[in-house]
Amino acid sequence: MRLPIVLATGLAALAVASSAGAASSYCSPTGDYCTSTQRQSGAVYLRLSAFSNIGTIRICVTDPKSKRVCRSFPLLKRGTMWQVSVRWRSHYPSAGPGRYRVGFFLGRTRLGPLLDFRVR
């Protein structure tokens, strides 16, 4: 009787820990593309790099108040890579301090996990 309670408690703790903090970067297992949310000179940039032109990328940002805004951007050739790099404040509204979640999409398919960044 005691073992199921211990297992359930342990699994609940793992679920909370895994959802508590998203990453700020991700690369696909094949290395075909990488996504990131990077702070550079105080500005937050949302980036995707790929080895081939996979088309237009949709980037969706969910603010701390759960409002989601999506915008589409074309990949541009930069050196040997295809990239999109957008400054968050130039393309998305700010809802003040808190945690923002970012998803990168090709059509309806999300590319990698949700990433995040914080605004103070």
N, C-alpha and C. Protein backbone atom coordinates (compact mmCIF):
# COMPACT_ATOMS: atom_id res chain seq x y z
N MET A 1 0.81 -1.19 0.00
CA MET A 1 0.00 0.00 0.00
C MET A 1 0.86 1.26 0.00
N ARG A 2 1.95 1.21 0.70
CA ARG A 2 2.82 2.38 0.81
C ARG A 2 3.60 2.63 -0.47
N LEU A 3 4.00 1.60 -1.22
CA LEU A 3 4.78 1.74 -2.46
C LEU A 3 4.03 2.56 -3.52
N PRO A 4 2.73 2.32 -3.78
CA PRO A 4 2.04 3.15 -4.77
C PRO A 4 2.02 4.63 -4.41
N ILE A 5 1.89 4.94 -3.12
CA ILE A 5 1.88 6.34 -2.69
C ILE A 5 3.24 6.98 -2.94
N VAL A 6 4.31 6.26 -2.63
CA VAL A 6 5.67 6.77 -2.86
C VAL A 6 5.91 6.96 -4.34
N LEU A 7 5.50 6.00 -5.17
CA LEU A 7 5.66 6.12 -6.62
C LEU A 7 4.86 7.29 -7.17
N ALA A 8 3.63 7.44 -6.74
CA ALA A 8 2.80 8.55 -7.23
C ALA A 8 3.40 9.90 -6.83
N THR A 9 3.91 10.01 -5.62
CA THR A 9 4.53 11.24 -5.16
C THR A 9 5.78 11.55 -5.98
N GLY A 10 6.58 10.53 -6.23
CA GLY A 10 7.80 10.71 -7.03
C GLY A 10 7.49 11.13 -8.45
N LEU A 11 6.48 10.51 -9.07
CA LEU A 11 6.10 10.86 -10.43
C LEU A 11 5.54 12.28 -10.50
N ALA A 12 4.77 12.67 -9.50
CA ALA A 12 4.24 14.03 -9.47
C ALA A 12 5.37 15.05 -9.35
N ALA A 13 6.36 14.76 -8.53
CA ALA A 13 7.51 15.66 -8.38
C ALA A 13 8.27 15.79 -9.70
N LEU A 14 8.44 14.67 -10.41
CA LEU A 14 9.12 14.72 -11.71
C LEU A 14 8.32 15.54 -12.71
N ALA A 15 7.03 15.41 -12.72
CA ALA A 15 6.19 16.16 -13.66
C ALA A 15 6.30 17.66 -13.40
N VAL A 16 6.29 18.05 -12.13
CA VAL A 16 6.41 19.47 -11.79
C VAL A 16 7.80 19.97 -12.18
N ALA A 17 8.83 19.20 -11.90
CA ALA A 17 10.20 19.62 -12.21
C ALA A 17 10.40 19.77 -13.71
N SER A 18 9.85 18.86 -14.51
CA SER A 18 10.08 18.92 -15.94
C SER A 18 9.32 20.07 -16.59
N SER A 19 8.18 20.47 -16.03
CA SER A 19 7.43 21.56 -16.62
C SER A 19 7.80 22.91 -16.03
N ALA A 20 8.60 22.91 -14.98
CA ALA A 20 8.91 24.15 -14.28
C ALA A 20 9.77 25.08 -15.11
N GLY A 21 10.67 24.57 -15.91
CA GLY A 21 11.53 25.46 -16.68
C GLY A 21 11.82 24.91 -18.05
N ALA A 22 11.45 25.67 -19.05
CA ALA A 22 11.75 25.26 -20.42
C ALA A 22 13.16 25.71 -20.76
N ALA A 23 13.68 25.18 -21.81
CA ALA A 23 15.02 25.51 -22.26
C ALA A 23 15.00 26.80 -23.07
N SER A 24 16.18 27.36 -23.31
CA SER A 24 16.27 28.54 -24.16
C SER A 24 16.86 28.19 -25.52
N SER A 25 17.21 26.91 -25.73
CA SER A 25 17.69 26.49 -27.05
C SER A 25 17.42 25.01 -27.26
N TYR A 26 17.36 24.62 -28.53
CA TYR A 26 17.09 23.23 -28.88
C TYR A 26 17.67 22.96 -30.27
N CYS A 27 18.29 21.82 -30.45
CA CYS A 27 18.72 21.35 -31.77
C CYS A 27 18.08 19.98 -32.01
N SER A 28 17.58 19.77 -33.22
CA SER A 28 16.96 18.48 -33.53
C SER A 28 17.98 17.36 -33.40
N PRO A 29 17.53 16.14 -33.11
CA PRO A 29 18.46 15.02 -32.96
C PRO A 29 19.32 14.80 -34.22
N THR A 30 18.80 15.13 -35.38
CA THR A 30 19.55 14.97 -36.63
C THR A 30 20.47 16.15 -36.91
N GLY A 31 20.27 17.25 -36.18
CA GLY A 31 21.07 18.45 -36.39
C GLY A 31 20.61 19.28 -37.58
N ASP A 32 19.44 18.96 -38.13
CA ASP A 32 18.94 19.68 -39.30
C ASP A 32 18.56 21.12 -38.98
N TYR A 33 18.14 21.39 -37.76
CA TYR A 33 17.77 22.75 -37.38
C TYR A 33 17.99 22.95 -35.89
N CYS A 34 18.12 24.22 -35.51
CA CYS A 34 18.23 24.60 -34.11
C CYS A 34 17.36 25.83 -33.88
N THR A 35 16.74 25.91 -32.70
CA THR A 35 15.93 27.06 -32.31
C THR A 35 16.50 27.62 -31.02
N SER A 36 16.28 28.93 -30.80
CA SER A 36 16.76 29.52 -29.56
C SER A 36 16.03 30.82 -29.25
N THR A 37 16.06 31.17 -27.98
CA THR A 37 15.68 32.49 -27.50
C THR A 37 16.94 33.01 -26.83
N GLN A 38 17.51 34.06 -27.38
CA GLN A 38 18.78 34.56 -26.87
C GLN A 38 18.68 36.04 -26.52
N ARG A 39 19.29 36.39 -25.40
CA ARG A 39 19.38 37.79 -25.01
C ARG A 39 20.74 38.30 -25.48
N GLN A 40 20.70 39.39 -26.25
CA GLN A 40 21.92 39.96 -26.81
C GLN A 40 21.86 41.47 -26.63
N SER A 41 22.79 42.03 -25.89
CA SER A 41 22.81 43.47 -25.57
C SER A 41 21.47 43.93 -25.00
N GLY A 42 20.87 43.11 -24.17
CA GLY A 42 19.62 43.45 -23.51
C GLY A 42 18.37 43.13 -24.29
N ALA A 43 18.49 42.86 -25.59
CA ALA A 43 17.33 42.54 -26.44
C ALA A 43 17.18 41.03 -26.56
N VAL A 44 15.93 40.56 -26.64
CA VAL A 44 15.65 39.13 -26.80
C VAL A 44 15.44 38.85 -28.29
N TYR A 45 16.18 37.86 -28.80
CA TYR A 45 16.06 37.44 -30.19
C TYR A 45 15.50 36.02 -30.25
N LEU A 46 14.59 35.80 -31.18
CA LEU A 46 14.01 34.48 -31.43
C LEU A 46 14.63 33.99 -32.73
N ARG A 47 15.29 32.81 -32.68
CA ARG A 47 16.08 32.38 -33.83
C ARG A 47 15.83 30.93 -34.21
N LEU A 48 15.90 30.69 -35.51
CA LEU A 48 15.89 29.34 -36.05
C LEU A 48 16.94 29.29 -37.15
N SER A 49 17.78 28.27 -37.13
CA SER A 49 18.79 28.04 -38.17
C SER A 49 18.59 26.65 -38.74
N ALA A 50 18.73 26.52 -40.05
CA ALA A 50 18.54 25.22 -40.71
C ALA A 50 19.56 25.08 -41.83
N PHE A 51 19.85 23.84 -42.20
CA PHE A 51 20.79 23.59 -43.29
C PHE A 51 20.14 23.73 -44.65
N SER A 52 18.81 23.67 -44.71
CA SER A 52 18.12 23.82 -45.99
C SER A 52 16.96 24.79 -45.83
N ASN A 53 16.51 25.35 -46.94
CA ASN A 53 15.39 26.28 -46.90
C ASN A 53 14.11 25.47 -46.76
N ILE A 54 13.57 25.46 -45.54
CA ILE A 54 12.37 24.67 -45.30
C ILE A 54 11.11 25.52 -45.43
N GLY A 55 11.28 26.78 -45.86
CA GLY A 55 10.11 27.63 -46.11
C GLY A 55 9.93 28.71 -45.08
N THR A 56 8.69 29.12 -44.94
CA THR A 56 8.33 30.17 -43.98
C THR A 56 8.11 29.56 -42.61
N ILE A 57 8.65 30.22 -41.61
CA ILE A 57 8.55 29.75 -40.23
C ILE A 57 7.56 30.64 -39.48
N ARG A 58 6.70 30.02 -38.72
CA ARG A 58 5.76 30.76 -37.87
C ARG A 58 6.29 30.67 -36.44
N ILE A 59 6.43 31.82 -35.81
CA ILE A 59 6.90 31.87 -34.43
C ILE A 59 5.75 32.40 -33.58
N CYS A 60 5.37 31.62 -32.57
CA CYS A 60 4.27 31.99 -31.67
C CYS A 60 4.83 32.26 -30.28
N VAL A 61 4.44 33.40 -29.72
CA VAL A 61 4.87 33.79 -28.38
C VAL A 61 3.65 33.89 -27.49
N THR A 62 3.70 33.19 -26.36
CA THR A 62 2.64 33.25 -25.37
C THR A 62 3.16 34.04 -24.18
N ASP A 63 2.46 35.12 -23.85
CA ASP A 63 2.93 36.00 -22.78
C ASP A 63 2.53 35.46 -21.40
N PRO A 64 2.97 36.12 -20.33
CA PRO A 64 2.67 35.65 -18.97
C PRO A 64 1.17 35.61 -18.66
N LYS A 65 0.36 36.33 -19.44
CA LYS A 65 -1.09 36.35 -19.22
C LYS A 65 -1.80 35.35 -20.13
N SER A 66 -1.03 34.47 -20.77
CA SER A 66 -1.52 33.40 -21.65
C SER A 66 -2.08 33.89 -22.98
N LYS A 67 -1.77 35.10 -23.39
CA LYS A 67 -2.17 35.58 -24.71
C LYS A 67 -1.11 35.16 -25.73
N ARG A 68 -1.56 34.54 -26.81
CA ARG A 68 -0.64 34.00 -27.82
C ARG A 68 -0.72 34.85 -29.10
N VAL A 69 0.45 35.23 -29.61
CA VAL A 69 0.54 35.98 -30.87
C VAL A 69 1.50 35.23 -31.78
N CYS A 70 1.07 34.98 -33.02
CA CYS A 70 1.90 34.27 -34.00
C CYS A 70 2.22 35.18 -35.18
N ARG A 71 3.44 35.10 -35.67
CA ARG A 71 3.88 35.85 -36.84
C ARG A 71 4.70 34.91 -37.73
N SER A 72 4.65 35.16 -39.04
CA SER A 72 5.41 34.33 -39.99
C SER A 72 6.60 35.10 -40.54
N PHE A 73 7.70 34.37 -40.74
CA PHE A 73 8.94 34.97 -41.23
C PHE A 73 9.60 34.02 -42.23
N PRO A 74 10.15 34.56 -43.33
CA PRO A 74 10.86 33.71 -44.29
C PRO A 74 12.27 33.41 -43.79
N LEU A 75 12.76 32.24 -44.11
CA LEU A 75 14.16 31.92 -43.83
C LEU A 75 15.02 32.65 -44.85
N LEU A 76 16.12 33.22 -44.41
CA LEU A 76 17.05 33.93 -45.28
C LEU A 76 18.39 33.22 -45.28
N LYS A 77 19.04 33.20 -46.42
CA LYS A 77 20.36 32.56 -46.54
C LYS A 77 21.42 33.45 -45.89
N ARG A 78 22.13 32.92 -44.90
CA ARG A 78 23.22 33.63 -44.24
C ARG A 78 24.41 32.68 -44.17
N GLY A 79 25.37 32.90 -45.05
CA GLY A 79 26.51 31.98 -45.14
C GLY A 79 26.03 30.64 -45.66
N THR A 80 26.33 29.57 -44.93
CA THR A 80 25.92 28.23 -45.35
C THR A 80 24.59 27.80 -44.74
N MET A 81 24.01 28.67 -43.91
CA MET A 81 22.78 28.32 -43.20
C MET A 81 21.60 29.17 -43.67
N TRP A 82 20.40 28.65 -43.46
CA TRP A 82 19.15 29.40 -43.64
C TRP A 82 18.70 29.78 -42.25
N GLN A 83 18.37 31.07 -42.07
CA GLN A 83 18.06 31.54 -40.72
C GLN A 83 16.92 32.53 -40.69
N VAL A 84 16.28 32.57 -39.55
CA VAL A 84 15.37 33.66 -39.20
C VAL A 84 15.82 34.11 -37.82
N SER A 85 15.96 35.42 -37.65
CA SER A 85 16.35 36.00 -36.38
C SER A 85 15.54 37.28 -36.21
N VAL A 86 14.62 37.27 -35.25
CA VAL A 86 13.77 38.43 -35.05
C VAL A 86 13.89 38.93 -33.62
N ARG A 87 13.88 40.24 -33.51
CA ARG A 87 13.91 40.86 -32.20
C ARG A 87 12.48 40.82 -31.64
N TRP A 88 12.32 40.20 -30.47
CA TRP A 88 11.01 40.00 -29.87
C TRP A 88 10.21 41.30 -29.76
N ARG A 89 10.77 42.34 -29.18
CA ARG A 89 10.03 43.59 -28.95
C ARG A 89 9.60 44.27 -30.24
N SER A 90 10.29 44.02 -31.34
CA SER A 90 9.94 44.65 -32.62
C SER A 90 8.73 43.99 -33.28
N HIS A 91 8.43 42.74 -32.90
CA HIS A 91 7.38 41.98 -33.60
C HIS A 91 6.24 41.47 -32.71
N TYR A 92 6.43 41.53 -31.39
CA TYR A 92 5.42 40.98 -30.48
C TYR A 92 5.14 41.97 -29.36
N PRO A 93 3.91 41.99 -28.86
CA PRO A 93 3.59 42.90 -27.76
C PRO A 93 4.16 42.41 -26.43
N SER A 94 4.49 43.36 -25.58
CA SER A 94 4.96 43.02 -24.24
C SER A 94 3.78 43.07 -23.28
N ALA A 95 3.68 42.07 -22.42
CA ALA A 95 2.65 42.04 -21.40
C ALA A 95 3.27 42.27 -20.02
N GLY A 96 4.46 42.87 -20.02
CA GLY A 96 5.12 43.16 -18.76
C GLY A 96 6.01 42.03 -18.29
N PRO A 97 6.41 42.07 -17.03
CA PRO A 97 7.33 41.08 -16.49
C PRO A 97 6.72 39.68 -16.44
N GLY A 98 7.59 38.69 -16.52
CA GLY A 98 7.17 37.30 -16.41
C GLY A 98 7.82 36.41 -17.44
N ARG A 99 7.29 35.20 -17.53
CA ARG A 99 7.83 34.17 -18.41
C ARG A 99 7.05 34.14 -19.72
N TYR A 100 7.77 34.19 -20.83
CA TYR A 100 7.19 34.11 -22.17
C TYR A 100 7.59 32.77 -22.77
N ARG A 101 6.65 32.10 -23.43
CA ARG A 101 6.91 30.79 -24.07
C ARG A 101 6.93 31.00 -25.57
N VAL A 102 7.83 30.30 -26.26
CA VAL A 102 8.01 30.48 -27.70
C VAL A 102 7.96 29.14 -28.41
N GLY A 103 7.15 29.06 -29.47
CA GLY A 103 7.08 27.87 -30.31
C GLY A 103 7.42 28.24 -31.75
N PHE A 104 8.18 27.38 -32.40
CA PHE A 104 8.56 27.55 -33.81
C PHE A 104 7.81 26.51 -34.61
N PHE A 105 7.15 26.92 -35.70
CA PHE A 105 6.30 26.01 -36.47
C PHE A 105 6.63 26.05 -37.95
N LEU A 106 6.56 24.88 -38.57
CA LEU A 106 6.61 24.73 -40.02
C LEU A 106 5.26 24.15 -40.38
N GLY A 107 4.38 24.98 -40.95
CA GLY A 107 2.99 24.57 -41.14
C GLY A 107 2.36 24.36 -39.78
N ARG A 108 1.76 23.21 -39.57
CA ARG A 108 1.15 22.90 -38.26
C ARG A 108 2.09 22.14 -37.34
N THR A 109 3.28 21.82 -37.83
CA THR A 109 4.23 21.02 -37.05
C THR A 109 5.14 21.91 -36.22
N ARG A 110 5.13 21.68 -34.91
CA ARG A 110 6.04 22.42 -34.05
C ARG A 110 7.43 21.84 -34.19
N LEU A 111 8.40 22.72 -34.34
CA LEU A 111 9.80 22.30 -34.47
C LEU A 111 10.44 22.33 -33.10
N GLY A 112 10.55 21.18 -32.48
CA GLY A 112 11.15 21.08 -31.16
C GLY A 112 10.20 21.49 -30.06
N PRO A 113 10.71 21.52 -28.83
CA PRO A 113 9.87 21.87 -27.68
C PRO A 113 9.67 23.38 -27.59
N LEU A 114 8.74 23.78 -26.74
CA LEU A 114 8.58 25.20 -26.45
C LEU A 114 9.82 25.69 -25.73
N LEU A 115 10.25 26.89 -26.07
CA LEU A 115 11.38 27.53 -25.39
C LEU A 115 10.82 28.67 -24.57
N ASP A 116 11.65 29.28 -23.74
CA ASP A 116 11.16 30.41 -22.98
C ASP A 116 12.22 31.47 -22.76
N PHE A 117 11.75 32.63 -22.29
CA PHE A 117 12.62 33.70 -21.84
C PHE A 117 11.83 34.49 -20.79
N ARG A 118 12.54 35.23 -19.98
CA ARG A 118 11.90 36.01 -18.92
C ARG A 118 12.13 37.50 -19.15
N VAL A 119 11.11 38.27 -18.79
CA VAL A 119 11.21 39.72 -18.81
C VAL A 119 11.06 40.18 -17.37
N ARG A 120 11.94 41.03 -16.94
CA ARG A 120 11.89 41.54 -15.56
C ARG A 120 11.26 42.89 -15.50
